[in-house]
Amino acid sequence: MKLVIIFILATLAVVNGFMCAGCPSQMDPEQAKEVLNNTLNKVATLGGPNYSVGKIYTASSQITSGVKYRMNADLLNDSNQSVGCDVVIERTAATGITKATFNCSNRGVFKISY
């Protein structure tokens, strides 16, 4: 009986992500804001849209062949108008290339690599 209980607890731990290498994990809000701000600044310098971070609703990171960040956030344009966006930022360790995809309610999908 004790073995069954241990097995059930171990299974629940794996399902809840306690022992799941490579599974997405929630990000600290300040870390998420820093990652998104750095990406937005780079996008602006490369001639992309000029946004700043408004509010981050959800943010997760996942270890892949680098790091993948997923965020749902309100971004602010130059007129301080809020734009809802789903953002995916993928940094590949081997190449050092970062790919960012913005799926925003007012402009559709925008992709950039740097």
PDB file of N, CA and C in Angstrom:
ATOM      1  N   MET A   1       0.823  -1.199   0.000  1.00  0.00           N
ATOM      2  CA  MET A   1       0.000   0.000   0.000  1.00  0.00           C
ATOM      3  C   MET A   1       0.864   1.259   0.000  1.00  0.00           C
ATOM      4  N   LYS A   2       1.950   1.237   0.787  1.00  0.00           N
ATOM      5  CA  LYS A   2       2.843   2.394   0.829  1.00  0.00           C
ATOM      6  C   LYS A   2       3.459   2.645  -0.541  1.00  0.00           C
ATOM      7  N   LEU A   3       3.785   1.593  -1.249  1.00  0.00           N
ATOM      8  CA  LEU A   3       4.375   1.721  -2.576  1.00  0.00           C
ATOM      9  C   LEU A   3       3.401   2.388  -3.544  1.00  0.00           C
ATOM     10  N   VAL A   4       2.130   2.048  -3.455  1.00  0.00           N
ATOM     11  CA  VAL A   4       1.111   2.655  -4.314  1.00  0.00           C
ATOM     12  C   VAL A   4       1.005   4.146  -4.035  1.00  0.00           C
ATOM     13  N   ILE A   5       1.020   4.535  -2.782  1.00  0.00           N
ATOM     14  CA  ILE A   5       0.918   5.955  -2.413  1.00  0.00           C
ATOM     15  C   ILE A   5       2.146   6.709  -2.915  1.00  0.00           C
ATOM     16  N   ILE A   6       3.323   6.138  -2.766  1.00  0.00           N
ATOM     17  CA  ILE A   6       4.544   6.785  -3.257  1.00  0.00           C
ATOM     18  C   ILE A   6       4.482   6.940  -4.768  1.00  0.00           C
ATOM     19  N   PHE A   7       4.031   5.911  -5.478  1.00  0.00           N
ATOM     20  CA  PHE A   7       3.906   5.988  -6.930  1.00  0.00           C
ATOM     21  C   PHE A   7       2.938   7.095  -7.342  1.00  0.00           C
ATOM     22  N   ILE A   8       1.798   7.192  -6.653  1.00  0.00           N
ATOM     23  CA  ILE A   8       0.804   8.233  -6.977  1.00  0.00           C
ATOM     24  C   ILE A   8       1.389   9.614  -6.728  1.00  0.00           C
ATOM     25  N   LEU A   9       2.079   9.824  -5.630  1.00  0.00           N
ATOM     26  CA  LEU A   9       2.685  11.127  -5.335  1.00  0.00           C
ATOM     27  C   LEU A   9       3.760  11.481  -6.350  1.00  0.00           C
ATOM     28  N   ALA A  10       4.560  10.515  -6.748  1.00  0.00           N
ATOM     29  CA  ALA A  10       5.593  10.759  -7.750  1.00  0.00           C
ATOM     30  C   ALA A  10       4.971  11.122  -9.097  1.00  0.00           C
ATOM     31  N   THR A  11       3.905  10.437  -9.458  1.00  0.00           N
ATOM     32  CA  THR A  11       3.201  10.740 -10.708  1.00  0.00           C
ATOM     33  C   THR A  11       2.634  12.150 -10.682  1.00  0.00           C
ATOM     34  N   LEU A  12       2.025  12.528  -9.584  1.00  0.00           N
ATOM     35  CA  LEU A  12       1.480  13.885  -9.453  1.00  0.00           C
ATOM     36  C   LEU A  12       2.580  14.933  -9.525  1.00  0.00           C
ATOM     37  N   ALA A  13       3.718  14.650  -8.940  1.00  0.00           N
ATOM     38  CA  ALA A  13       4.832  15.590  -8.983  1.00  0.00           C
ATOM     39  C   ALA A  13       5.303  15.799 -10.418  1.00  0.00           C
ATOM     40  N   VAL A  14       5.414  14.717 -11.189  1.00  0.00           N
ATOM     41  CA  VAL A  14       5.839  14.830 -12.581  1.00  0.00           C
ATOM     42  C   VAL A  14       4.807  15.586 -13.396  1.00  0.00           C
ATOM     43  N   VAL A  15       3.528  15.287 -13.212  1.00  0.00           N
ATOM     44  CA  VAL A  15       2.457  15.952 -13.951  1.00  0.00           C
ATOM     45  C   VAL A  15       2.427  17.444 -13.629  1.00  0.00           C
ATOM     46  N   ASN A  16       2.695  17.811 -12.387  1.00  0.00           N
ATOM     47  CA  ASN A  16       2.675  19.216 -11.991  1.00  0.00           C
ATOM     48  C   ASN A  16       3.970  19.940 -12.316  1.00  0.00           C
ATOM     49  N   GLY A  17       4.921  19.299 -12.960  1.00  0.00           N
ATOM     50  CA  GLY A  17       6.119  19.954 -13.437  1.00  0.00           C
ATOM     51  C   GLY A  17       7.275  19.989 -12.455  1.00  0.00           C
ATOM     52  N   PHE A  18       7.159  19.352 -11.326  1.00  0.00           N
ATOM     53  CA  PHE A  18       8.240  19.396 -10.353  1.00  0.00           C
ATOM     54  C   PHE A  18       9.474  18.661 -10.841  1.00  0.00           C
ATOM     55  N   MET A  19       9.298  17.664 -11.680  1.00  0.00           N
ATOM     56  CA  MET A  19      10.419  16.855 -12.137  1.00  0.00           C
ATOM     57  C   MET A  19      10.465  16.801 -13.660  1.00  0.00           C
ATOM     58  N   CYS A  20      10.034  17.816 -14.303  1.00  0.00           N
ATOM     59  CA  CYS A  20       9.906  17.782 -15.754  1.00  0.00           C
ATOM     60  C   CYS A  20      10.965  18.668 -16.399  1.00  0.00           C
ATOM     61  N   ALA A  21      12.068  18.081 -16.786  1.00  0.00           N
ATOM     62  CA  ALA A  21      13.111  18.817 -17.493  1.00  0.00           C
ATOM     63  C   ALA A  21      12.599  19.202 -18.876  1.00  0.00           C
ATOM     64  N   GLY A  22      12.755  20.445 -19.243  1.00  0.00           N
ATOM     65  CA  GLY A  22      12.325  20.914 -20.548  1.00  0.00           C
ATOM     66  C   GLY A  22      10.885  21.365 -20.627  1.00  0.00           C
ATOM     67  N   CYS A  23      10.142  21.254 -19.551  1.00  0.00           N
ATOM     68  CA  CYS A  23       8.752  21.731 -19.541  1.00  0.00           C
ATOM     69  C   CYS A  23       8.727  23.235 -19.295  1.00  0.00           C
ATOM     70  N   PRO A  24       7.729  23.949 -19.819  1.00  0.00           N
ATOM     71  CA  PRO A  24       7.622  25.383 -19.542  1.00  0.00           C
ATOM     72  C   PRO A  24       7.427  25.634 -18.053  1.00  0.00           C
ATOM     73  N   SER A  25       7.998  26.742 -17.581  1.00  0.00           N
ATOM     74  CA  SER A  25       7.794  27.151 -16.189  1.00  0.00           C
ATOM     75  C   SER A  25       7.463  28.636 -16.155  1.00  0.00           C
ATOM     76  N   GLN A  26       6.663  29.025 -15.193  1.00  0.00           N
ATOM     77  CA  GLN A  26       6.258  30.423 -15.056  1.00  0.00           C
ATOM     78  C   GLN A  26       7.476  31.292 -14.773  1.00  0.00           C
ATOM     79  N   MET A  27       7.467  32.492 -15.326  1.00  0.00           N
ATOM     80  CA  MET A  27       8.579  33.421 -15.134  1.00  0.00           C
ATOM     81  C   MET A  27       8.242  34.428 -14.050  1.00  0.00           C
ATOM     82  N   ASP A  28       9.276  34.895 -13.387  1.00  0.00           N
ATOM     83  CA  ASP A  28       9.158  36.023 -12.485  1.00  0.00           C
ATOM     84  C   ASP A  28       8.749  37.240 -13.318  1.00  0.00           C
ATOM     85  N   PRO A  29       7.754  38.028 -12.871  1.00  0.00           N
ATOM     86  CA  PRO A  29       7.279  39.169 -13.680  1.00  0.00           C
ATOM     87  C   PRO A  29       8.379  40.162 -14.052  1.00  0.00           C
ATOM     88  N   GLU A  30       9.302  40.432 -13.152  1.00  0.00           N
ATOM     89  CA  GLU A  30      10.386  41.377 -13.467  1.00  0.00           C
ATOM     90  C   GLU A  30      11.331  40.817 -14.518  1.00  0.00           C
ATOM     91  N   GLN A  31      11.619  39.526 -14.439  1.00  0.00           N
ATOM     92  CA  GLN A  31      12.470  38.887 -15.446  1.00  0.00           C
ATOM     93  C   GLN A  31      11.780  38.905 -16.803  1.00  0.00           C
ATOM     94  N   ALA A  32      10.476  38.617 -16.820  1.00  0.00           N
ATOM     95  CA  ALA A  32       9.719  38.632 -18.077  1.00  0.00           C
ATOM     96  C   ALA A  32       9.739  40.024 -18.695  1.00  0.00           C
ATOM     97  N   LYS A  33       9.558  41.044 -17.869  1.00  0.00           N
ATOM     98  CA  LYS A  33       9.566  42.430 -18.366  1.00  0.00           C
ATOM     99  C   LYS A  33      10.936  42.779 -18.942  1.00  0.00           C
ATOM    100  N   GLU A  34      12.002  42.333 -18.296  1.00  0.00           N
ATOM    101  CA  GLU A  34      13.354  42.606 -18.782  1.00  0.00           C
ATOM    102  C   GLU A  34      13.606  41.928 -20.132  1.00  0.00           C
ATOM    103  N   VAL A  35      13.224  40.659 -20.245  1.00  0.00           N
ATOM    104  CA  VAL A  35      13.409  39.922 -21.506  1.00  0.00           C
ATOM    105  C   VAL A  35      12.627  40.598 -22.628  1.00  0.00           C
ATOM    106  N   LEU A  36      11.366  40.948 -22.351  1.00  0.00           N
ATOM    107  CA  LEU A  36      10.528  41.566 -23.382  1.00  0.00           C
ATOM    108  C   LEU A  36      11.037  42.957 -23.748  1.00  0.00           C
ATOM    109  N   ASN A  37      11.443  43.758 -22.768  1.00  0.00           N
ATOM    110  CA  ASN A  37      11.992  45.091 -23.055  1.00  0.00           C
ATOM    111  C   ASN A  37      13.241  45.004 -23.920  1.00  0.00           C
ATOM    112  N   ASN A  38      14.147  44.071 -23.588  1.00  0.00           N
ATOM    113  CA  ASN A  38      15.369  43.913 -24.388  1.00  0.00           C
ATOM    114  C   ASN A  38      15.037  43.557 -25.833  1.00  0.00           C
ATOM    115  N   THR A  39      14.076  42.673 -26.014  1.00  0.00           N
ATOM    116  CA  THR A  39      13.669  42.274 -27.359  1.00  0.00           C
ATOM    117  C   THR A  39      13.026  43.440 -28.106  1.00  0.00           C
ATOM    118  N   LEU A  40      12.129  44.159 -27.429  1.00  0.00           N
ATOM    119  CA  LEU A  40      11.463  45.302 -28.072  1.00  0.00           C
ATOM    120  C   LEU A  40      12.465  46.378 -28.473  1.00  0.00           C
ATOM    121  N   ASN A  41      13.468  46.622 -27.643  1.00  0.00           N
ATOM    122  CA  ASN A  41      14.499  47.607 -27.982  1.00  0.00           C
ATOM    123  C   ASN A  41      15.290  47.168 -29.207  1.00  0.00           C
ATOM    124  N   LYS A  42      15.625  45.885 -29.284  1.00  0.00           N
ATOM    125  CA  LYS A  42      16.361  45.371 -30.436  1.00  0.00           C
ATOM    126  C   LYS A  42      15.512  45.456 -31.708  1.00  0.00           C
ATOM    127  N   VAL A  43      14.237  45.093 -31.597  1.00  0.00           N
ATOM    128  CA  VAL A  43      13.329  45.167 -32.742  1.00  0.00           C
ATOM    129  C   VAL A  43      13.249  46.603 -33.268  1.00  0.00           C
ATOM    130  N   ALA A  44      13.157  47.572 -32.375  1.00  0.00           N
ATOM    131  CA  ALA A  44      13.063  48.983 -32.779  1.00  0.00           C
ATOM    132  C   ALA A  44      14.340  49.433 -33.492  1.00  0.00           C
ATOM    133  N   THR A  45      15.508  48.989 -33.007  1.00  0.00           N
ATOM    134  CA  THR A  45      16.763  49.392 -33.660  1.00  0.00           C
ATOM    135  C   THR A  45      16.926  48.758 -35.035  1.00  0.00           C
ATOM    136  N   LEU A  46      16.230  47.649 -35.272  1.00  0.00           N
ATOM    137  CA  LEU A  46      16.300  46.983 -36.578  1.00  0.00           C
ATOM    138  C   LEU A  46      15.199  47.457 -37.531  1.00  0.00           C
ATOM    139  N   GLY A  47      14.500  48.515 -37.174  1.00  0.00           N
ATOM    140  CA  GLY A  47      13.486  49.087 -38.050  1.00  0.00           C
ATOM    141  C   GLY A  47      12.093  48.523 -37.871  1.00  0.00           C
ATOM    142  N   GLY A  48      11.905  47.707 -36.845  1.00  0.00           N
ATOM    143  CA  GLY A  48      10.573  47.163 -36.563  1.00  0.00           C
ATOM    144  C   GLY A  48       9.729  48.173 -35.803  1.00  0.00           C
ATOM    145  N   PRO A  49       8.546  47.769 -35.383  1.00  0.00           N
ATOM    146  CA  PRO A  49       7.682  48.676 -34.641  1.00  0.00           C
ATOM    147  C   PRO A  49       8.305  49.069 -33.299  1.00  0.00           C
ATOM    148  N   ASN A  50       7.970  50.269 -32.849  1.00  0.00           N
ATOM    149  CA  ASN A  50       8.518  50.790 -31.597  1.00  0.00           C
ATOM    150  C   ASN A  50       7.476  50.656 -30.494  1.00  0.00           C
ATOM    151  N   TYR A  51       7.603  49.616 -29.684  1.00  0.00           N
ATOM    152  CA  TYR A  51       6.684  49.361 -28.582  1.00  0.00           C
ATOM    153  C   TYR A  51       7.442  49.356 -27.260  1.00  0.00           C
ATOM    154  N   SER A  52       6.705  49.589 -26.189  1.00  0.00           N
ATOM    155  CA  SER A  52       7.236  49.393 -24.841  1.00  0.00           C
ATOM    156  C   SER A  52       6.273  48.462 -24.111  1.00  0.00           C
ATOM    157  N   VAL A  53       6.729  47.906 -22.997  1.00  0.00           N
ATOM    158  CA  VAL A  53       5.910  46.957 -22.242  1.00  0.00           C
ATOM    159  C   VAL A  53       4.865  47.712 -21.433  1.00  0.00           C
ATOM    160  N   GLY A  54       3.602  47.298 -21.602  1.00  0.00           N
ATOM    161  CA  GLY A  54       2.523  47.822 -20.772  1.00  0.00           C
ATOM    162  C   GLY A  54       2.312  46.889 -19.602  1.00  0.00           C
ATOM    163  N   LYS A  55       1.536  45.845 -19.797  1.00  0.00           N
ATOM    164  CA  LYS A  55       1.261  44.870 -18.748  1.00  0.00           C
ATOM    165  C   LYS A  55       1.497  43.469 -19.292  1.00  0.00           C
ATOM    166  N   ILE A  56       2.162  42.633 -18.498  1.00  0.00           N
ATOM    167  CA  ILE A  56       2.366  41.236 -18.863  1.00  0.00           C
ATOM    168  C   ILE A  56       1.349  40.404 -18.096  1.00  0.00           C
ATOM    169  N   TYR A  57       0.543  39.644 -18.831  1.00  0.00           N
ATOM    170  CA  TYR A  57      -0.491  38.812 -18.215  1.00  0.00           C
ATOM    171  C   TYR A  57       0.033  37.426 -17.866  1.00  0.00           C
ATOM    172  N   THR A  58       0.731  36.807 -18.805  1.00  0.00           N
ATOM    173  CA  THR A  58       1.335  35.501 -18.562  1.00  0.00           C
ATOM    174  C   THR A  58       2.715  35.489 -19.196  1.00  0.00           C
ATOM    175  N   ALA A  59       3.625  34.724 -18.568  1.00  0.00           N
ATOM    176  CA  ALA A  59       4.978  34.592 -19.111  1.00  0.00           C
ATOM    177  C   ALA A  59       5.554  33.273 -18.642  1.00  0.00           C
ATOM    178  N   SER A  60       6.149  32.543 -19.597  1.00  0.00           N
ATOM    179  CA  SER A  60       6.796  31.284 -19.250  1.00  0.00           C
ATOM    180  C   SER A  60       8.110  31.177 -20.011  1.00  0.00           C
ATOM    181  N   SER A  61       9.001  30.362 -19.473  1.00  0.00           N
ATOM    182  CA  SER A  61      10.254  30.061 -20.156  1.00  0.00           C
ATOM    183  C   SER A  61      10.385  28.551 -20.248  1.00  0.00           C
ATOM    184  N   GLN A  62      11.100  28.116 -21.273  1.00  0.00           N
ATOM    185  CA  GLN A  62      11.283  26.683 -21.497  1.00  0.00           C
ATOM    186  C   GLN A  62      12.683  26.463 -22.044  1.00  0.00           C
ATOM    187  N   ILE A  63      13.393  25.511 -21.446  1.00  0.00           N
ATOM    188  CA  ILE A  63      14.713  25.162 -21.951  1.00  0.00           C
ATOM    189  C   ILE A  63      14.530  24.264 -23.171  1.00  0.00           C
ATOM    190  N   THR A  64      15.098  24.692 -24.286  1.00  0.00           N
ATOM    191  CA  THR A  64      15.059  23.919 -25.532  1.00  0.00           C
ATOM    192  C   THR A  64      16.524  23.742 -25.945  1.00  0.00           C
ATOM    193  N   SER A  65      16.845  23.986 -27.190  1.00  0.00           N
ATOM    194  CA  SER A  65      18.254  24.021 -27.590  1.00  0.00           C
ATOM    195  C   SER A  65      18.831  25.391 -27.273  1.00  0.00           C
ATOM    196  N   GLY A  66      18.097  26.114 -26.499  1.00  0.00           N
ATOM    197  CA  GLY A  66      18.400  27.441 -25.982  1.00  0.00           C
ATOM    198  C   GLY A  66      17.327  27.731 -24.954  1.00  0.00           C
ATOM    199  N   VAL A  67      16.629  28.846 -25.145  1.00  0.00           N
ATOM    200  CA  VAL A  67      15.511  29.198 -24.266  1.00  0.00           C
ATOM    201  C   VAL A  67      14.376  29.735 -25.115  1.00  0.00           C
ATOM    202  N   LYS A  68      13.156  29.291 -24.805  1.00  0.00           N
ATOM    203  CA  LYS A  68      11.959  29.796 -25.472  1.00  0.00           C
ATOM    204  C   LYS A  68      11.101  30.504 -24.422  1.00  0.00           C
ATOM    205  N   TYR A  69      10.767  31.758 -24.712  1.00  0.00           N
ATOM    206  CA  TYR A  69       9.890  32.545 -23.835  1.00  0.00           C
ATOM    207  C   TYR A  69       8.549  32.726 -24.535  1.00  0.00           C
ATOM    208  N   ARG A  70       7.482  32.559 -23.788  1.00  0.00           N
ATOM    209  CA  ARG A  70       6.134  32.819 -24.306  1.00  0.00           C
ATOM    210  C   ARG A  70       5.470  33.815 -23.375  1.00  0.00           C
ATOM    211  N   MET A  71       4.881  34.861 -23.962  1.00  0.00           N
ATOM    212  CA  MET A  71       4.245  35.891 -23.151  1.00  0.00           C
ATOM    213  C   MET A  71       2.949  36.369 -23.798  1.00  0.00           C
ATOM    214  N   ASN A  72       2.031  36.741 -22.968  1.00  0.00           N
ATOM    215  CA  ASN A  72       0.831  37.439 -23.397  1.00  0.00           C
ATOM    216  C   ASN A  72       0.887  38.779 -22.690  1.00  0.00           C
ATOM    217  N   ALA A  73       0.905  39.859 -23.467  1.00  0.00           N
ATOM    218  CA  ALA A  73       1.138  41.167 -22.868  1.00  0.00           C
ATOM    219  C   ALA A  73       0.435  42.264 -23.649  1.00  0.00           C
ATOM    220  N   ASP A  74       0.224  43.369 -22.960  1.00  0.00           N
ATOM    221  CA  ASP A  74      -0.183  44.605 -23.617  1.00  0.00           C
ATOM    222  C   ASP A  74       1.080  45.402 -23.876  1.00  0.00           C
ATOM    223  N   LEU A  75       1.295  45.768 -25.139  1.00  0.00           N
ATOM    224  CA  LEU A  75       2.411  46.612 -25.514  1.00  0.00           C
ATOM    225  C   LEU A  75       1.878  48.005 -25.798  1.00  0.00           C
ATOM    226  N   LEU A  76       2.698  49.010 -25.558  1.00  0.00           N
ATOM    227  CA  LEU A  76       2.298  50.392 -25.781  1.00  0.00           C
ATOM    228  C   LEU A  76       3.030  50.939 -26.993  1.00  0.00           C
ATOM    229  N   ASN A  77       2.263  51.547 -27.922  1.00  0.00           N
ATOM    230  CA  ASN A  77       2.893  52.141 -29.100  1.00  0.00           C
ATOM    231  C   ASN A  77       3.347  53.569 -28.767  1.00  0.00           C
ATOM    232  N   ASP A  78       3.858  54.288 -29.778  1.00  0.00           N
ATOM    233  CA  ASP A  78       4.369  55.646 -29.567  1.00  0.00           C
ATOM    234  C   ASP A  78       3.307  56.602 -29.041  1.00  0.00           C
ATOM    235  N   SER A  79       2.038  56.324 -29.332  1.00  0.00           N
ATOM    236  CA  SER A  79       0.932  57.172 -28.863  1.00  0.00           C
ATOM    237  C   SER A  79       0.397  56.712 -27.514  1.00  0.00           C
ATOM    238  N   ASN A  80       1.105  55.773 -26.897  1.00  0.00           N
ATOM    239  CA  ASN A  80       0.731  55.212 -25.591  1.00  0.00           C
ATOM    240  C   ASN A  80      -0.578  54.421 -25.653  1.00  0.00           C
ATOM    241  N   GLN A  81      -0.937  53.938 -26.845  1.00  0.00           N
ATOM    242  CA  GLN A  81      -2.114  53.099 -27.001  1.00  0.00           C
ATOM    243  C   GLN A  81      -1.723  51.646 -26.765  1.00  0.00           C
ATOM    244  N   SER A  82      -2.584  50.929 -26.066  1.00  0.00           N
ATOM    245  CA  SER A  82      -2.323  49.547 -25.707  1.00  0.00           C
ATOM    246  C   SER A  82      -2.684  48.607 -26.848  1.00  0.00           C
ATOM    247  N   VAL A  83      -1.799  47.628 -27.088  1.00  0.00           N
ATOM    248  CA  VAL A  83      -1.997  46.630 -28.131  1.00  0.00           C
ATOM    249  C   VAL A  83      -1.772  45.253 -27.495  1.00  0.00           C
ATOM    250  N   GLY A  84      -2.757  44.377 -27.573  1.00  0.00           N
ATOM    251  CA  GLY A  84      -2.617  43.027 -27.027  1.00  0.00           C
ATOM    252  C   GLY A  84      -1.811  42.139 -27.953  1.00  0.00           C
ATOM    253  N   CYS A  85      -0.807  41.467 -27.408  1.00  0.00           N
ATOM    254  CA  CYS A  85       0.071  40.629 -28.226  1.00  0.00           C
ATOM    255  C   CYS A  85       0.417  39.316 -27.532  1.00  0.00           C
ATOM    256  N   ASP A  86       0.523  38.267 -28.336  1.00  0.00           N
ATOM    257  CA  ASP A  86       1.139  37.019 -27.910  1.00  0.00           C
ATOM    258  C   ASP A  86       2.548  37.053 -28.487  1.00  0.00           C
ATOM    259  N   VAL A  87       3.542  36.844 -27.638  1.00  0.00           N
ATOM    260  CA  VAL A  87       4.936  36.973 -28.050  1.00  0.00           C
ATOM    261  C   VAL A  87       5.672  35.664 -27.772  1.00  0.00           C
ATOM    262  N   VAL A  88       6.458  35.228 -28.752  1.00  0.00           N
ATOM    263  CA  VAL A  88       7.345  34.078 -28.573  1.00  0.00           C
ATOM    264  C   VAL A  88       8.744  34.557 -28.931  1.00  0.00           C
ATOM    265  N   ILE A  89       9.682  34.373 -27.998  1.00  0.00           N
ATOM    266  CA  ILE A  89      11.082  34.742 -28.202  1.00  0.00           C
ATOM    267  C   ILE A  89      11.905  33.471 -28.030  1.00  0.00           C
ATOM    268  N   GLU A  90      12.653  33.108 -29.075  1.00  0.00           N
ATOM    269  CA  GLU A  90      13.464  31.888 -29.040  1.00  0.00           C
ATOM    270  C   GLU A  90      14.931  32.243 -29.225  1.00  0.00           C
ATOM    271  N   ARG A  91      15.733  31.933 -28.216  1.00  0.00           N
ATOM    272  CA  ARG A  91      17.176  32.149 -28.292  1.00  0.00           C
ATOM    273  C   ARG A  91      17.854  30.797 -28.421  1.00  0.00           C
ATOM    274  N   THR A  92      18.578  30.604 -29.530  1.00  0.00           N
ATOM    275  CA  THR A  92      19.262  29.337 -29.776  1.00  0.00           C
ATOM    276  C   THR A  92      20.697  29.435 -29.280  1.00  0.00           C
ATOM    277  N   ALA A  93      21.070  28.542 -28.389  1.00  0.00           N
ATOM    278  CA  ALA A  93      22.406  28.584 -27.778  1.00  0.00           C
ATOM    279  C   ALA A  93      23.514  28.340 -28.800  1.00  0.00           C
ATOM    280  N   ALA A  94      23.337  27.378 -29.683  1.00  0.00           N
ATOM    281  CA  ALA A  94      24.399  26.995 -30.616  1.00  0.00           C
ATOM    282  C   ALA A  94      24.739  28.108 -31.601  1.00  0.00           C
ATOM    283  N   THR A  95      23.732  28.832 -32.072  1.00  0.00           N
ATOM    284  CA  THR A  95      23.961  29.863 -33.093  1.00  0.00           C
ATOM    285  C   THR A  95      23.988  31.274 -32.532  1.00  0.00           C
ATOM    286  N   GLY A  96      23.405  31.470 -31.354  1.00  0.00           N
ATOM    287  CA  GLY A  96      23.307  32.811 -30.786  1.00  0.00           C
ATOM    288  C   GLY A  96      22.223  33.654 -31.438  1.00  0.00           C
ATOM    289  N   ILE A  97      21.416  33.040 -32.286  1.00  0.00           N
ATOM    290  CA  ILE A  97      20.345  33.763 -32.996  1.00  0.00           C
ATOM    291  C   ILE A  97      19.088  33.796 -32.132  1.00  0.00           C
ATOM    292  N   THR A  98      18.462  34.961 -32.125  1.00  0.00           N
ATOM    293  CA  THR A  98      17.186  35.127 -31.442  1.00  0.00           C
ATOM    294  C   THR A  98      16.113  35.363 -32.495  1.00  0.00           C
ATOM    295  N   LYS A  99      15.008  34.631 -32.379  1.00  0.00           N
ATOM    296  CA  LYS A  99      13.855  34.816 -33.261  1.00  0.00           C
ATOM    297  C   LYS A  99      12.692  35.269 -32.397  1.00  0.00           C
ATOM    298  N   ALA A 100      12.044  36.336 -32.807  1.00  0.00           N
ATOM    299  CA  ALA A 100      10.897  36.861 -32.063  1.00  0.00           C
ATOM    300  C   ALA A 100       9.684  36.909 -32.975  1.00  0.00           C
ATOM    301  N   THR A 101       8.571  36.429 -32.461  1.00  0.00           N
ATOM    302  CA  THR A 101       7.308  36.455 -33.201  1.00  0.00           C
ATOM    303  C   THR A 101       6.283  37.190 -32.349  1.00  0.00           C
ATOM    304  N   PHE A 102       5.676  38.216 -32.938  1.00  0.00           N
ATOM    305  CA  PHE A 102       4.640  39.004 -32.276  1.00  0.00           C
ATOM    306  C   PHE A 102       3.334  38.784 -33.025  1.00  0.00           C
ATOM    307  N   ASN A 103       2.321  38.323 -32.337  1.00  0.00           N
ATOM    308  CA  ASN A 103       0.990  38.169 -32.920  1.00  0.00           C
ATOM    309  C   ASN A 103       0.101  39.159 -32.177  1.00  0.00           C
ATOM    310  N   CYS A 104      -0.089  40.332 -32.787  1.00  0.00           N
ATOM    311  CA  CYS A 104      -0.781  41.437 -32.126  1.00  0.00           C
ATOM    312  C   CYS A 104      -2.150  41.675 -32.737  1.00  0.00           C
ATOM    313  N   SER A 105      -3.058  42.105 -31.897  1.00  0.00           N
ATOM    314  CA  SER A 105      -4.450  42.270 -32.317  1.00  0.00           C
ATOM    315  C   SER A 105      -4.624  43.312 -33.413  1.00  0.00           C
ATOM    316  N   ASN A 106      -3.743  44.296 -33.498  1.00  0.00           N
ATOM    317  CA  ASN A 106      -3.931  45.365 -34.476  1.00  0.00           C
ATOM    318  C   ASN A 106      -3.101  45.211 -35.738  1.00  0.00           C
ATOM    319  N   ARG A 107      -2.156  44.256 -35.751  1.00  0.00           N
ATOM    320  CA  ARG A 107      -1.273  44.218 -36.904  1.00  0.00           C
ATOM    321  C   ARG A 107      -0.965  42.820 -37.398  1.00  0.00           C
ATOM    322  N   GLY A 108      -1.528  41.816 -36.798  1.00  0.00           N
ATOM    323  CA  GLY A 108      -1.260  40.455 -37.241  1.00  0.00           C
ATOM    324  C   GLY A 108       0.075  39.963 -36.736  1.00  0.00           C
ATOM    325  N   VAL A 109       0.718  39.117 -37.525  1.00  0.00           N
ATOM    326  CA  VAL A 109       1.959  38.480 -37.103  1.00  0.00           C
ATOM    327  C   VAL A 109       3.158  39.242 -37.669  1.00  0.00           C
ATOM    328  N   PHE A 110       4.126  39.494 -36.794  1.00  0.00           N
ATOM    329  CA  PHE A 110       5.368  40.146 -37.176  1.00  0.00           C
ATOM    330  C   PHE A 110       6.522  39.283 -36.651  1.00  0.00           C
ATOM    331  N   LYS A 111       7.463  38.909 -37.539  1.00  0.00           N
ATOM    332  CA  LYS A 111       8.593  38.059 -37.143  1.00  0.00           C
ATOM    333  C   LYS A 111       9.893  38.780 -37.460  1.00  0.00           C
ATOM    334  N   ILE A 112      10.878  38.551 -36.564  1.00  0.00           N
ATOM    335  CA  ILE A 112      12.191  39.139 -36.773  1.00  0.00           C
ATOM    336  C   ILE A 112      13.247  38.232 -36.160  1.00  0.00           C
ATOM    337  N   SER A 113      14.416  38.184 -36.782  1.00  0.00           N
ATOM    338  CA  SER A 113      15.560  37.421 -36.258  1.00  0.00           C
ATOM    339  C   SER A 113      16.744  38.366 -36.131  1.00  0.00           C
ATOM    340  N   TYR A 114      17.533  38.138 -35.107  1.00  0.00           N
ATOM    341  CA  TYR A 114      18.748  38.936 -34.923  1.00  0.00           C
ATOM    342  C   TYR A 114      19.803  38.133 -34.189  1.00  0.00           C
TER     343      TYR A 114
END
